[in-house]
Structure formats: structure tokens, C-alpha cells
N, C-alpha and C. Protein backbone atom coordinates (compact mmCIF):
# COMPACT_ATOMS: atom_id res chain seq x y z
N MET A 1 2.07 -6.68 -43.64
CA MET A 1 2.43 -6.62 -42.88
C MET A 1 1.68 -6.28 -41.83
N SER A 2 2.13 -7.12 -40.72
CA SER A 2 1.43 -6.53 -39.39
C SER A 2 2.25 -5.94 -38.33
N LEU A 3 1.23 -4.87 -37.74
CA LEU A 3 2.00 -4.21 -36.39
C LEU A 3 2.44 -4.67 -35.39
N ARG A 4 3.02 -4.34 -34.23
CA ARG A 4 3.45 -4.54 -33.20
C ARG A 4 3.27 -3.36 -32.04
N ARG A 5 3.08 -3.51 -31.15
CA ARG A 5 2.79 -2.71 -30.41
C ARG A 5 3.45 -3.00 -29.06
N TYR A 6 4.78 -2.23 -28.35
CA TYR A 6 4.88 -2.85 -27.08
C TYR A 6 5.04 -1.59 -26.28
N ASN A 7 5.10 -2.19 -24.64
CA ASN A 7 4.63 -1.12 -23.55
C ASN A 7 6.26 -1.14 -23.07
N ILE A 8 6.77 0.29 -22.72
CA ILE A 8 8.42 -0.20 -22.29
C ILE A 8 8.24 0.70 -21.24
N PRO A 9 9.00 0.96 -20.11
CA PRO A 9 9.39 1.73 -18.99
C PRO A 9 9.16 2.83 -19.10
N ILE A 10 8.84 3.83 -18.50
CA ILE A 10 9.38 5.28 -18.35
C ILE A 10 10.57 5.43 -18.23
N PRO A 11 11.91 6.30 -19.32
CA PRO A 11 13.42 6.12 -19.12
C PRO A 11 13.39 7.01 -18.00
N ALA A 12 14.56 6.63 -17.14
CA ALA A 12 15.05 7.45 -16.21
C ALA A 12 15.85 8.78 -16.68
N ALA A 13 16.17 8.44 -17.87
CA ALA A 13 17.05 10.12 -18.62
C ALA A 13 16.00 10.84 -18.82
N LYS A 14 14.90 10.17 -19.01
CA LYS A 14 13.84 11.67 -19.23
C LYS A 14 13.51 12.51 -18.11
N TYR A 15 14.25 12.31 -16.78
CA TYR A 15 14.16 13.26 -16.18
C TYR A 15 15.04 13.51 -15.27
N GLY A 16 16.04 12.84 -15.32
CA GLY A 16 17.35 12.85 -15.07
C GLY A 16 17.57 12.00 -13.70
N ALA A 17 18.57 11.49 -13.34
CA ALA A 17 18.79 10.77 -12.04
C ALA A 17 18.13 11.14 -10.57
N LYS A 18 18.49 12.62 -10.94
CA LYS A 18 17.68 13.33 -9.40
C LYS A 18 16.41 13.95 -9.36
N ASP A 19 15.62 13.49 -10.27
CA ASP A 19 14.31 13.74 -10.54
C ASP A 19 13.65 12.63 -10.30
N TYR A 20 13.69 11.40 -11.05
CA TYR A 20 12.54 10.72 -11.24
C TYR A 20 13.17 8.90 -10.69
N GLY A 21 12.15 8.40 -10.07
CA GLY A 21 12.23 6.75 -9.37
C GLY A 21 11.13 6.13 -9.60
N GLN A 22 11.38 4.67 -9.19
CA GLN A 22 10.39 4.02 -9.77
C GLN A 22 10.75 2.89 -8.63
N TYR A 23 9.65 2.95 -7.50
CA TYR A 23 10.26 1.52 -6.20
C TYR A 23 9.20 0.84 -5.84
N GLY A 24 9.29 -0.06 -5.21
CA GLY A 24 8.42 -1.40 -4.65
C GLY A 24 8.98 -2.02 -3.06
N VAL A 25 7.80 -2.17 -2.12
CA VAL A 25 7.99 -2.09 -1.02
C VAL A 25 7.47 -3.57 -0.31
N SER A 26 7.79 -4.02 0.14
CA SER A 26 6.71 -5.30 0.49
C SER A 26 6.90 -5.67 2.02
N ALA A 27 5.88 -5.71 3.08
CA ALA A 27 6.09 -5.58 4.45
C ALA A 27 4.94 -6.45 5.08
N LEU A 28 5.10 -6.72 5.94
CA LEU A 28 4.46 -8.37 6.79
C LEU A 28 4.46 -7.58 8.08
N THR A 29 3.12 -7.70 8.63
CA THR A 29 2.20 -7.89 10.04
C THR A 29 3.04 -8.23 11.08
N GLY A 30 3.04 -8.31 12.27
CA GLY A 30 3.54 -9.55 13.44
C GLY A 30 1.94 -10.34 13.24
N ILE A 31 1.78 -10.79 14.18
CA ILE A 31 0.56 -11.94 14.64
C ILE A 31 -0.53 -11.26 15.20
N ILE A 32 -1.45 -10.39 14.29
CA ILE A 32 -2.33 -9.71 14.93
C ILE A 32 -3.52 -10.07 15.66
N ALA A 33 -3.62 -9.58 17.22
CA ALA A 33 -3.92 -10.19 18.48
C ALA A 33 -5.71 -10.22 18.07
N ALA A 34 -6.09 -10.71 18.36
CA ALA A 34 -7.81 -11.28 18.85
C ALA A 34 -8.39 -10.06 18.99
N GLY A 35 -9.56 -9.72 18.73
CA GLY A 35 -10.25 -8.42 19.52
C GLY A 35 -9.73 -7.23 18.62
N ILE A 36 -8.87 -7.28 17.88
CA ILE A 36 -8.31 -5.88 17.23
C ILE A 36 -9.48 -4.88 17.30
N THR A 37 -9.24 -3.53 17.26
CA THR A 37 -10.31 -2.91 17.08
C THR A 37 -10.53 -2.36 16.03
N ASN A 38 -11.73 -2.01 15.48
CA ASN A 38 -12.58 -1.97 14.28
C ASN A 38 -12.05 -1.04 13.84
N ASP A 39 -11.85 -0.74 12.52
CA ASP A 39 -10.90 0.27 11.43
C ASP A 39 -10.28 0.68 12.21
N ALA A 40 -9.02 -0.48 12.87
CA ALA A 40 -7.50 -0.31 13.65
C ALA A 40 -7.19 -0.02 11.77
N GLU A 41 -5.78 1.01 11.70
CA GLU A 41 -4.99 0.90 10.98
C GLU A 41 -3.87 -0.11 10.94
N LEU A 42 -3.78 -0.84 9.79
CA LEU A 42 -2.24 -1.61 9.85
C LEU A 42 -1.54 -1.21 8.93
N PHE A 43 -1.52 -0.59 8.07
CA PHE A 43 -0.56 0.07 6.74
C PHE A 43 -0.61 1.46 6.59
N GLN A 44 0.40 2.06 7.22
CA GLN A 44 0.57 3.70 6.47
C GLN A 44 1.47 3.73 5.41
N PHE A 45 0.75 5.10 4.56
CA PHE A 45 2.13 5.43 3.80
C PHE A 45 1.65 6.64 3.77
N ARG A 46 2.42 7.37 4.01
CA ARG A 46 2.72 9.34 4.54
C ARG A 46 3.34 9.83 2.98
N TRP A 47 2.95 10.58 2.02
CA TRP A 47 3.95 10.91 1.45
C TRP A 47 4.20 12.74 1.69
N ALA A 48 5.51 12.68 2.38
CA ALA A 48 5.65 14.12 2.28
C ALA A 48 7.22 14.13 2.10
N PRO A 49 7.19 14.52 1.32
CA PRO A 49 8.97 14.83 0.31
C PRO A 49 9.74 16.15 0.82
N ALA A 50 10.80 15.77 1.13
CA ALA A 50 11.64 17.27 1.09
C ALA A 50 11.47 18.26 0.02
N VAL A 51 11.72 17.36 -1.18
CA VAL A 51 11.07 18.46 -2.33
C VAL A 51 9.56 18.22 -2.59
N THR A 52 8.83 19.68 -1.82
CA THR A 52 7.23 19.50 -1.14
C THR A 52 6.50 19.26 -3.02
N THR A 53 7.25 19.86 -4.31
CA THR A 53 6.78 19.91 -5.59
C THR A 53 6.90 18.07 -6.11
N LYS A 54 7.18 17.37 -5.68
CA LYS A 54 7.58 15.85 -6.16
C LYS A 54 6.04 15.40 -5.83
N ILE A 55 5.63 14.05 -6.86
CA ILE A 55 4.47 13.33 -6.91
C ILE A 55 4.56 11.87 -6.31
N ALA A 56 3.86 11.46 -5.37
CA ALA A 56 4.12 9.73 -5.76
C ALA A 56 3.13 9.38 -6.36
N ARG A 57 3.12 8.29 -7.25
CA ARG A 57 2.29 7.93 -7.98
C ARG A 57 2.22 6.46 -7.82
N VAL A 58 1.31 6.06 -7.12
CA VAL A 58 1.24 4.74 -6.79
C VAL A 58 0.13 3.91 -8.05
N ARG A 59 0.84 2.99 -8.41
CA ARG A 59 0.30 1.93 -9.04
C ARG A 59 -0.45 0.74 -8.95
N ARG A 60 0.39 0.55 -7.74
CA ARG A 60 -0.50 -0.91 -7.29
C ARG A 60 0.07 -1.39 -6.24
N ILE A 61 -1.30 -1.75 -5.77
CA ILE A 61 -1.29 -2.29 -4.14
C ILE A 61 -1.86 -3.55 -3.79
N SER A 62 -1.35 -4.78 -3.27
CA SER A 62 -1.70 -5.98 -3.17
C SER A 62 -1.49 -6.25 -2.25
N VAL A 63 -2.00 -7.37 -1.58
CA VAL A 63 -2.39 -7.83 0.02
C VAL A 63 -2.63 -9.50 -0.48
N ALA A 64 -2.03 -10.18 0.72
CA ALA A 64 -2.03 -11.14 0.99
C ALA A 64 -2.24 -11.74 2.59
N ALA A 65 -3.18 -12.48 3.26
CA ALA A 65 -3.40 -12.89 4.81
C ALA A 65 -4.12 -14.49 5.15
N ALA A 66 -3.39 -14.88 6.44
CA ALA A 66 -3.42 -16.11 6.68
C ALA A 66 -3.63 -16.00 8.12
N VAL A 67 -4.32 -17.12 8.58
CA VAL A 67 -4.48 -17.66 9.90
C VAL A 67 -3.40 -17.84 10.36
N SER A 68 -2.94 -17.55 12.09
CA SER A 68 -1.55 -17.77 11.99
C SER A 68 -1.90 -18.84 13.29
N THR A 69 -1.61 -18.70 14.77
CA THR A 69 -2.05 -19.99 15.48
C THR A 69 -3.02 -20.34 15.89
N THR A 70 -3.90 -19.43 15.77
CA THR A 70 -5.65 -19.43 16.49
C THR A 70 -6.49 -18.94 15.15
N TYR A 71 -7.54 -20.22 15.00
CA TYR A 71 -8.54 -20.02 14.07
C TYR A 71 -9.19 -19.30 14.48
N PHE A 72 -10.45 -18.89 13.60
CA PHE A 72 -11.61 -18.10 14.39
C PHE A 72 -12.59 -19.07 14.57
N ALA A 73 -13.66 -18.44 15.78
CA ALA A 73 -14.22 -19.81 16.02
C ALA A 73 -15.74 -19.41 15.07
N ALA A 74 -15.93 -18.41 14.52
CA ALA A 74 -16.78 -18.30 13.56
C ALA A 74 -17.06 -17.18 12.68
N GLY A 75 -17.67 -17.84 11.81
CA GLY A 75 -17.47 -17.83 9.67
C GLY A 75 -17.40 -16.28 9.93
N ILE A 76 -17.43 -15.47 10.93
CA ILE A 76 -17.48 -13.77 10.48
C ILE A 76 -16.92 -13.47 9.67
N PRO A 77 -16.42 -12.73 8.36
CA PRO A 77 -16.31 -11.99 7.20
C PRO A 77 -15.07 -10.73 7.78
N LEU A 78 -13.73 -10.98 7.54
CA LEU A 78 -12.94 -9.70 7.57
C LEU A 78 -12.52 -9.44 6.20
N GLU A 79 -12.53 -7.79 6.91
CA GLU A 79 -12.29 -7.26 5.78
C GLU A 79 -10.89 -5.88 5.83
N LEU A 80 -10.61 -5.82 4.76
CA LEU A 80 -10.04 -5.30 4.65
C LEU A 80 -10.29 -3.67 3.27
N HIS A 81 -10.24 -2.50 4.13
CA HIS A 81 -10.15 -1.12 3.62
C HIS A 81 -9.45 -0.49 2.92
N LEU A 82 -9.13 0.20 1.66
CA LEU A 82 -8.12 0.76 1.50
C LEU A 82 -8.79 2.50 0.92
N SER A 83 -7.92 3.37 1.62
CA SER A 83 -8.74 5.16 1.82
C SER A 83 -7.74 6.04 1.84
N LYS A 84 -7.66 6.92 1.19
CA LYS A 84 -6.79 8.11 0.78
C LYS A 84 -7.03 8.91 2.02
N CYS A 85 -5.96 9.55 2.26
CA CYS A 85 -5.83 10.34 3.64
C CYS A 85 -5.29 11.72 2.36
N THR A 86 -5.60 12.91 3.68
CA THR A 86 -5.03 14.46 2.86
C THR A 86 -5.04 14.96 4.26
N GLY A 87 -4.22 16.42 4.26
CA GLY A 87 -3.62 16.78 5.57
C GLY A 87 -2.89 16.41 6.23
N TRP A 88 -2.15 15.72 6.29
CA TRP A 88 -1.43 14.33 6.75
C TRP A 88 -0.37 15.27 6.92
N SER A 89 -0.18 15.77 8.62
CA SER A 89 0.96 17.04 9.06
C SER A 89 1.60 16.06 9.76
N VAL A 90 0.87 15.51 10.51
CA VAL A 90 1.67 14.58 11.68
C VAL A 90 1.98 12.86 11.58
N ALA A 91 2.98 12.68 11.27
CA ALA A 91 2.93 11.38 11.29
C ALA A 91 2.53 10.20 12.00
N GLY A 92 1.80 8.62 11.67
CA GLY A 92 1.61 8.15 12.54
C GLY A 92 2.89 7.38 13.72
N SER A 93 2.24 6.71 14.21
CA SER A 93 3.12 5.72 15.26
C SER A 93 3.01 4.41 15.78
N GLY A 94 3.63 3.89 16.31
CA GLY A 94 3.27 2.53 16.89
C GLY A 94 3.58 1.53 15.86
N GLY A 95 3.62 0.16 15.78
CA GLY A 95 4.14 -1.09 15.17
C GLY A 95 5.47 -0.85 14.75
N ALA A 96 5.63 -1.51 13.28
CA ALA A 96 7.33 -1.31 13.02
C ALA A 96 7.29 -0.20 11.91
N ALA A 97 8.23 0.90 11.55
CA ALA A 97 8.71 1.51 10.68
C ALA A 97 9.18 0.66 9.71
N VAL A 98 8.91 0.71 8.31
CA VAL A 98 9.23 0.50 7.01
C VAL A 98 10.14 1.20 6.33
N ASP A 99 11.32 0.84 6.26
CA ASP A 99 12.23 1.61 5.27
C ASP A 99 12.47 1.35 3.85
N PRO A 100 11.96 1.75 3.15
CA PRO A 100 12.00 1.18 1.77
C PRO A 100 13.30 1.26 0.93
N GLY A 101 14.35 2.05 1.90
CA GLY A 101 15.73 2.26 1.45
C GLY A 101 16.06 2.22 0.40
N ALA A 102 17.74 2.41 -0.20
CA ALA A 102 17.88 2.77 -1.51
C ALA A 102 18.09 1.91 -2.56
N ALA A 103 17.83 0.50 -1.61
CA ALA A 103 18.46 -0.50 -3.44
C ALA A 103 16.72 -0.49 -3.68
N ASN A 104 15.55 -0.41 -3.04
CA ASN A 104 14.55 -1.01 -3.31
C ASN A 104 14.13 -0.29 -4.82
N LYS A 105 14.95 0.15 -5.78
CA LYS A 105 14.61 0.64 -7.28
C LYS A 105 13.90 -0.31 -8.18
N ARG A 106 13.38 0.00 -8.76
CA ARG A 106 12.74 -0.58 -9.97
C ARG A 106 13.70 -0.81 -11.33
N GLY A 107 14.92 0.06 -11.28
CA GLY A 107 15.30 0.10 -12.47
C GLY A 107 16.94 0.45 -12.48
N PRO A 108 17.16 1.68 -12.98
CA PRO A 108 19.04 1.50 -12.92
C PRO A 108 19.29 2.28 -11.47
N SER A 109 20.56 1.71 -11.49
CA SER A 109 20.62 2.23 -9.82
C SER A 109 21.50 3.88 -9.65
N THR A 110 21.18 4.55 -10.83
CA THR A 110 21.24 6.03 -11.24
C THR A 110 20.01 6.56 -10.60
N MET A 111 18.71 5.72 -10.62
CA MET A 111 17.45 6.58 -10.20
C MET A 111 17.67 7.04 -8.78
N LYS A 112 17.11 7.76 -8.45
CA LYS A 112 17.37 8.60 -7.37
C LYS A 112 16.63 8.15 -5.59
N ALA A 113 17.33 7.92 -5.08
CA ALA A 113 16.41 7.00 -3.73
C ALA A 113 15.88 7.67 -2.98
N THR A 114 14.40 7.02 -2.27
CA THR A 114 13.20 7.07 -2.82
C THR A 114 12.59 8.65 -1.60
N GLU A 115 11.90 9.30 -1.62
CA GLU A 115 11.67 10.68 -0.54
C GLU A 115 11.04 10.24 0.49
N VAL A 116 9.99 8.76 0.25
CA VAL A 116 9.54 8.00 1.54
C VAL A 116 10.36 7.98 3.00
N ALA A 117 9.99 9.15 4.00
CA ALA A 117 10.51 8.84 5.43
C ALA A 117 10.50 7.60 5.84
N ALA A 118 11.49 7.11 6.12
CA ALA A 118 11.20 5.89 7.01
C ALA A 118 10.20 5.63 8.33
N ASN A 119 9.72 6.66 8.82
CA ASN A 119 8.59 7.18 9.87
C ASN A 119 7.38 7.20 9.21
N ASP A 120 7.86 7.37 7.94
CA ASP A 120 6.29 7.98 7.05
C ASP A 120 5.30 6.56 6.39
N MET A 121 6.30 5.53 6.50
CA MET A 121 5.86 4.21 5.97
C MET A 121 5.55 3.20 7.04
N ARG A 122 4.51 2.64 7.85
CA ARG A 122 4.53 1.88 8.98
C ARG A 122 3.47 1.00 8.54
N ILE A 123 3.99 -0.43 9.27
CA ILE A 123 2.75 -1.51 9.59
C ILE A 123 2.84 -2.24 11.11
N ALA A 124 1.49 -2.39 11.04
CA ALA A 124 1.35 -2.94 12.71
C ALA A 124 2.05 -4.78 12.98
N THR A 125 2.20 -4.55 14.11
CA THR A 125 2.68 -5.62 14.67
C THR A 125 1.82 -6.77 15.00
N THR A 126 1.19 -6.15 16.21
CA THR A 126 0.19 -6.75 17.17
C THR A 126 -1.13 -6.00 17.13
N ALA A 127 -1.30 -4.94 16.80
CA ALA A 127 -2.93 -4.09 17.33
C ALA A 127 -2.49 -2.84 16.11
N GLY A 128 -3.48 -1.79 15.98
CA GLY A 128 -3.52 -1.42 15.43
C GLY A 128 -2.30 -0.21 15.45
N LEU A 129 -2.40 0.61 14.18
CA LEU A 129 -1.21 1.95 14.37
C LEU A 129 -1.94 3.21 14.83
N THR A 130 -1.15 3.90 15.74
CA THR A 130 -1.61 5.36 15.92
C THR A 130 -1.83 6.08 14.79
N ALA A 131 -2.88 6.77 14.49
CA ALA A 131 -3.04 7.55 13.59
C ALA A 131 -2.36 8.53 12.93
N GLY A 132 -1.90 9.44 14.14
CA GLY A 132 -1.53 10.94 13.46
C GLY A 132 -2.00 11.58 13.54
N THR A 133 -1.82 12.59 12.03
CA THR A 133 -2.48 13.86 12.68
C THR A 133 -3.60 14.06 10.66
N LYS A 134 -4.23 13.71 10.01
CA LYS A 134 -4.83 13.44 8.81
C LYS A 134 -6.40 13.32 8.57
N THR A 135 -6.45 13.51 7.66
CA THR A 135 -8.22 13.71 7.24
C THR A 135 -8.60 12.34 6.52
N ILE A 136 -9.38 11.11 6.47
CA ILE A 136 -9.33 9.98 5.94
C ILE A 136 -10.47 10.46 5.01
N ALA A 137 -10.20 10.19 3.88
CA ALA A 137 -11.45 10.28 2.55
C ALA A 137 -12.62 9.30 2.76
N THR A 138 -13.76 9.66 2.58
CA THR A 138 -14.94 8.86 2.37
C THR A 138 -15.50 9.31 1.25
N PRO A 139 -15.95 7.97 0.70
CA PRO A 139 -15.61 6.68 0.80
C PRO A 139 -14.64 6.09 0.98
N THR A 140 -14.33 4.57 1.07
CA THR A 140 -13.43 3.94 0.67
C THR A 140 -12.67 3.83 -0.58
N LEU A 141 -11.73 3.60 -1.16
CA LEU A 141 -11.06 3.50 -2.69
C LEU A 141 -11.90 2.06 -2.72
N ARG A 142 -11.61 1.20 -1.70
CA ARG A 142 -11.97 -0.05 -2.12
C ARG A 142 -12.06 -1.12 -1.03
N SER A 143 -13.12 -1.82 -1.25
CA SER A 143 -13.26 -2.77 0.28
C SER A 143 -13.00 -4.48 0.12
N ILE A 144 -12.38 -4.98 0.60
CA ILE A 144 -12.84 -6.57 0.01
C ILE A 144 -12.90 -7.49 1.33
N ILE A 145 -13.71 -8.24 1.41
CA ILE A 145 -14.28 -9.03 2.62
C ILE A 145 -14.12 -10.61 2.18
N SER A 146 -13.95 -11.06 3.60
CA SER A 146 -13.68 -12.75 3.23
C SER A 146 -14.15 -13.65 4.24
N GLY A 147 -14.81 -14.30 3.80
CA GLY A 147 -15.28 -15.40 4.87
C GLY A 147 -13.92 -15.73 6.17
N ALA A 148 -14.10 -15.56 7.37
CA ALA A 148 -13.12 -16.23 8.20
C ALA A 148 -13.14 -17.93 8.50
N PRO A 149 -11.64 -18.89 7.86
CA PRO A 149 -11.93 -19.97 8.50
C PRO A 149 -12.56 -20.31 9.95
N ILE A 150 -12.89 -21.36 9.88
CA ILE A 150 -13.78 -21.55 11.49
C ILE A 150 -13.32 -22.56 12.02
N THR A 151 -12.51 -23.84 11.84
CA THR A 151 -11.78 -24.91 12.21
C THR A 151 -10.43 -24.98 11.49
N SER A 152 -9.72 -25.57 12.37
CA SER A 152 -7.87 -26.16 11.64
C SER A 152 -8.07 -26.94 10.01
N SER A 153 -9.82 -27.86 10.50
CA SER A 153 -9.99 -28.25 9.16
C SER A 153 -10.15 -27.72 7.55
N LEU A 154 -9.97 -26.45 7.96
CA LEU A 154 -10.04 -26.16 6.60
C LEU A 154 -9.01 -24.77 6.37
N SER A 155 -8.78 -24.43 5.48
CA SER A 155 -7.63 -23.51 4.89
C SER A 155 -7.22 -22.19 5.79
N GLY A 156 -6.23 -21.97 6.05
CA GLY A 156 -5.85 -20.98 6.74
C GLY A 156 -5.98 -19.88 6.15
N GLN A 157 -5.87 -19.89 4.75
CA GLN A 157 -6.05 -18.65 4.00
C GLN A 157 -7.48 -17.65 3.80
N ILE A 158 -6.62 -16.40 4.39
CA ILE A 158 -7.94 -15.47 4.43
C ILE A 158 -8.12 -14.59 3.03
N PHE A 159 -7.13 -14.09 2.72
CA PHE A 159 -6.93 -13.54 1.34
C PHE A 159 -5.74 -13.81 0.44
N ALA A 160 -5.66 -15.07 -0.49
CA ALA A 160 -4.89 -15.56 -1.53
C ALA A 160 -3.65 -14.38 -2.12
N PRO A 161 -2.60 -14.56 -2.18
CA PRO A 161 -1.25 -13.70 -2.28
C PRO A 161 -1.31 -13.01 -3.52
N ASP A 162 -1.08 -12.00 -3.70
CA ASP A 162 -1.54 -10.97 -4.71
C ASP A 162 -2.78 -10.76 -5.23
N THR A 163 -3.45 -10.45 -3.79
CA THR A 163 -5.19 -10.29 -4.09
C THR A 163 -4.92 -8.31 -4.19
N TRP A 164 -5.25 -8.16 -4.98
CA TRP A 164 -5.10 -6.08 -4.99
C TRP A 164 -6.27 -5.48 -4.55
N LEU A 165 -5.78 -4.14 -3.91
CA LEU A 165 -6.27 -3.66 -3.95
C LEU A 165 -6.59 -2.21 -4.29
N PHE A 166 -5.52 -1.92 -5.44
CA PHE A 166 -5.49 -0.94 -6.03
C PHE A 166 -4.32 -1.19 -7.12
N ASN A 167 -5.16 -1.09 -8.57
CA ASN A 167 -4.25 -1.70 -9.59
C ASN A 167 -4.59 -1.15 -10.73
N ALA A 168 -3.55 -0.26 -11.19
CA ALA A 168 -4.19 1.15 -12.26
C ALA A 168 -3.46 0.47 -13.42
N ASP A 169 -4.53 -0.19 -14.51
CA ASP A 169 -4.28 -0.21 -15.83
C ASP A 169 -4.01 0.96 -16.79
N GLN A 170 -3.22 1.13 -16.83
CA GLN A 170 -2.54 2.61 -17.58
C GLN A 170 -2.87 2.10 -19.14
N GLY A 171 -2.53 0.70 -19.18
CA GLY A 171 -3.09 0.22 -20.67
C GLY A 171 -4.26 0.63 -21.51
N ALA A 172 -5.18 0.67 -20.23
CA ALA A 172 -6.57 0.60 -20.47
C ALA A 172 -7.01 2.32 -20.04
N GLY A 173 -5.95 2.75 -20.12
CA GLY A 173 -6.30 4.20 -19.70
C GLY A 173 -6.78 4.76 -18.24
N GLU A 174 -6.46 3.72 -17.32
CA GLU A 174 -7.09 4.25 -16.27
C GLU A 174 -6.06 4.73 -15.33
N HIS A 175 -5.72 5.80 -14.20
CA HIS A 175 -4.90 6.87 -13.69
C HIS A 175 -4.55 6.77 -12.66
N PRO A 176 -3.31 6.26 -12.49
CA PRO A 176 -2.84 5.99 -11.22
C PRO A 176 -3.23 6.79 -10.12
N MET A 177 -2.93 6.01 -8.85
CA MET A 177 -3.42 7.20 -7.68
C MET A 177 -2.06 8.28 -7.15
N GLU A 178 -2.57 9.66 -7.50
CA GLU A 178 -1.08 10.36 -7.34
C GLU A 178 -1.74 10.99 -5.63
N LEU A 179 -0.14 11.36 -5.18
CA LEU A 179 -0.03 11.47 -3.76
C LEU A 179 0.13 13.20 -3.88
N ALA A 180 0.10 14.46 -3.68
CA ALA A 180 0.59 15.16 -3.68
C ALA A 180 1.17 15.28 -1.63
N ASN A 181 2.24 16.48 -1.63
CA ASN A 181 2.63 16.46 -0.03
C ASN A 181 1.37 16.55 0.94
N GLN A 182 1.80 15.57 1.76
CA GLN A 182 1.44 15.32 3.25
C GLN A 182 -0.31 14.38 2.62
N GLU A 183 0.18 14.01 1.84
CA GLU A 183 -1.06 13.42 1.31
C GLU A 183 -1.03 11.67 1.40
N GLY A 184 -1.60 10.82 1.82
CA GLY A 184 -1.20 9.11 1.76
C GLY A 184 -2.51 7.94 1.66
N LEU A 185 -1.59 6.97 1.96
CA LEU A 185 -3.07 5.87 2.31
C LEU A 185 -2.87 5.22 2.83
N ILE A 186 -4.21 4.14 3.90
CA ILE A 186 -3.68 3.45 4.64
C ILE A 186 -4.48 2.36 4.44
N ILE A 187 -4.66 0.95 5.33
CA ILE A 187 -5.28 -0.40 4.98
C ILE A 187 -5.92 -0.15 6.16
N THR A 188 -6.97 -0.46 6.59
CA THR A 188 -7.89 -0.52 7.85
C THR A 188 -8.38 -1.70 7.73
N THR A 189 -8.82 -2.64 8.71
CA THR A 189 -9.51 -4.11 9.09
C THR A 189 -10.83 -3.27 10.01
N ARG A 190 -11.50 -4.49 9.86
CA ARG A 190 -12.60 -4.90 11.09
C ARG A 190 -12.78 -7.05 10.64
N ALA A 191 -12.34 -7.56 11.64
CA ALA A 191 -12.15 -8.97 11.83
C ALA A 191 -12.80 -9.18 13.05
N PRO A 192 -13.14 -10.76 13.03
CA PRO A 192 -14.16 -11.41 13.85
C PRO A 192 -12.79 -10.93 15.39
N GLY A 193 -13.72 -11.22 16.49
CA GLY A 193 -13.41 -11.00 17.61
C GLY A 193 -12.18 -12.22 18.53
N THR A 194 -12.46 -13.37 17.49
CA THR A 194 -11.23 -13.99 17.69
C THR A 194 -10.07 -14.77 17.13
N GLY A 195 -9.40 -15.07 16.90
CA GLY A 195 -8.03 -15.95 15.96
C GLY A 195 -7.71 -14.53 15.66
N THR A 196 -5.98 -15.06 15.15
CA THR A 196 -5.13 -14.31 15.29
C THR A 196 -4.72 -14.23 13.78
N TRP A 197 -3.93 -13.25 13.52
CA TRP A 197 -3.43 -13.76 11.68
C TRP A 197 -2.38 -13.11 10.96
N LYS A 198 -2.30 -12.97 10.11
CA LYS A 198 -0.61 -12.17 9.63
C LYS A 198 -1.36 -11.52 8.35
N LEU A 199 -0.79 -10.65 7.46
CA LEU A 199 -0.84 -9.65 6.64
C LEU A 199 0.29 -9.46 5.90
N ALA A 200 0.40 -9.48 4.43
CA ALA A 200 1.45 -8.77 3.69
C ALA A 200 0.67 -8.07 2.66
N VAL A 201 1.67 -7.01 2.82
CA VAL A 201 1.53 -5.55 2.11
C VAL A 201 2.47 -5.00 0.94
N GLN A 202 1.99 -5.34 -0.66
CA GLN A 202 2.91 -4.63 -1.16
C GLN A 202 2.81 -3.55 -2.02
N VAL A 203 3.72 -2.86 -1.73
CA VAL A 203 2.93 -1.06 -3.08
C VAL A 203 4.22 -1.20 -3.57
N GLU A 204 3.37 -0.65 -5.11
CA GLU A 204 4.69 -0.18 -5.85
C GLU A 204 4.08 1.21 -6.56
N TRP A 205 5.07 1.94 -6.54
CA TRP A 205 4.80 3.54 -6.77
C TRP A 205 6.00 4.28 -7.68
N ASP A 206 5.97 5.64 -8.17
CA ASP A 206 7.02 6.11 -9.02
C ASP A 206 6.96 7.65 -8.08
N GLU A 207 8.21 7.94 -8.32
CA GLU A 207 8.49 9.52 -7.86
C GLU A 207 8.53 10.24 -8.76
N ALA A 208 8.39 11.62 -8.98
CA ALA A 208 8.74 12.52 -9.72
C ALA A 208 7.98 14.07 -9.73
N PRO A 209 8.38 15.09 -10.40
CA PRO A 209 7.51 16.26 -9.91
C PRO A 209 6.61 16.04 -10.93
N SER A 210 6.56 15.68 -12.27
CA SER A 210 5.28 15.30 -12.85
C SER A 210 5.60 13.67 -13.55
N PHE A 211 4.04 13.92 -14.43
CA PHE A 211 4.17 12.50 -15.29
C PHE A 211 4.07 13.07 -16.22
N PRO A 212 4.35 12.15 -17.96
CA PRO A 212 3.80 12.04 -19.19
C PRO A 212 2.52 11.60 -19.18
N TYR A 213 1.25 11.94 -19.41
CA TYR A 213 0.16 10.57 -19.77
C TYR A 213 -0.11 10.89 -21.30
N GLY A 214 -0.36 9.42 -21.66
CA GLY A 214 -0.58 9.56 -23.51
C GLY A 214 -1.59 10.38 -23.46
N ASN A 215 -2.13 11.19 -24.96
CA ASN A 215 -3.14 12.13 -24.82
C ASN A 215 -3.19 11.60 -26.98
N ASN A 216 -4.70 12.01 -27.45
CA ASN A 216 -4.72 11.85 -28.93
C ASN A 216 -4.43 13.09 -29.58
N ARG A 217 -3.19 14.25 -28.80
CA ARG A 217 -2.68 14.86 -29.89
C ARG A 217 -1.80 14.66 -30.70
């Protein structure tokens, strides 16, 4: 007789509707202007829940990027960097606020609405976001680099859809990124001085007071 193993979602009933939720959100920048400042923040995710003992467990962050109206004049690589932040006592500003909303649950409607405030998740429009007050951890968690398209005869794709910046393979024992109160993450860029482009960001996370992890006991 063969054995089969199935991975199933964590049941919301384990925590109760008031405690647990699983969420996902997608956000798109405006047309990022040529000559954007090095290390400009394009996306911010600040975790400062009303219930300060709650944890955000980030499972996956993916991106896609493409040239918009103007191709780059030289083949200088375009960079994206993912960094964790601590001591995030004042939210950033600028760009556009991303409101995860009550509908972005990855499970039954009984799951609690996310505790990410609208102003605590932001995406750039044409320029970098204002940093707020926080400490950016070094080194970065992940960096990706792509050659910038030179002429219109080449593909305008910079990063293919679903290019991951963070992807916790829990089946292989990898730990998600856990954010405590006033922690978070940012995506920054370094880009050629010419050319305009757009970035899409997808984030998936859970929220609960604690999370069960497998063990050998």
C-alpha cells in the first residue's frame, strides 16, 4: 500500500475568526520617471497592528517590471533590493496608499480583516517614497539585477512576471519572514539615468498572535 501526503491550509478555526487571517495584495507603480534617485523606495509594507502582539508572517513577495514610454539609452543594469526594517515608528508618505481592504482574504469570509492600515502600505507613482522613521537592516535580504533594454527593437521586459524577491518554501523547512510590531519591509531601486518604467508588486502574508511550526516531537 502506498502512502500519500497532502499539504493543506492552516484552518482558520484553529485560531478563531478574531485572531487569524491570510491575505494577498497586488500593487502597481505609476510611470517611474527617468533619473530616479539611487536607493529610492518604491514599495513599503509597515506592520503596526492595533493588537500589538500580533505577528505578520510574509510568505511570498514577487515582482514584474517593464519599460513604459521611453527605452533606456544604455545597457546599464536595473536593480531591485528587498530589505527588512525595524523601529518603524513613523510611516512613510508620498506615492499612493495601498489599502488591502476587507476583501483580500485568502480564505473564508469569517477571517478577520487585515490589520495593515492603508497608510502603512504604499507604492511609488513617479518618484521614490518618503522614508518615514525606521532603521533599514543591512545587508539586503535579496537583490535582483536585469540588463536594461536599449532600443525599441528589443523586448521591453525588465523582470518577468512572478519574479520572486522572497519565497519561503515551508515544505522544505524554510521559515517565513515574521514581522513584529513596527517592523516591515521595503523594495528599493537603482536604475539607469534614462528611460521610464513600471513595477508590479505582489505580497502574500498571514496574521495571527502565533503560528504553529512542525517539529520532530
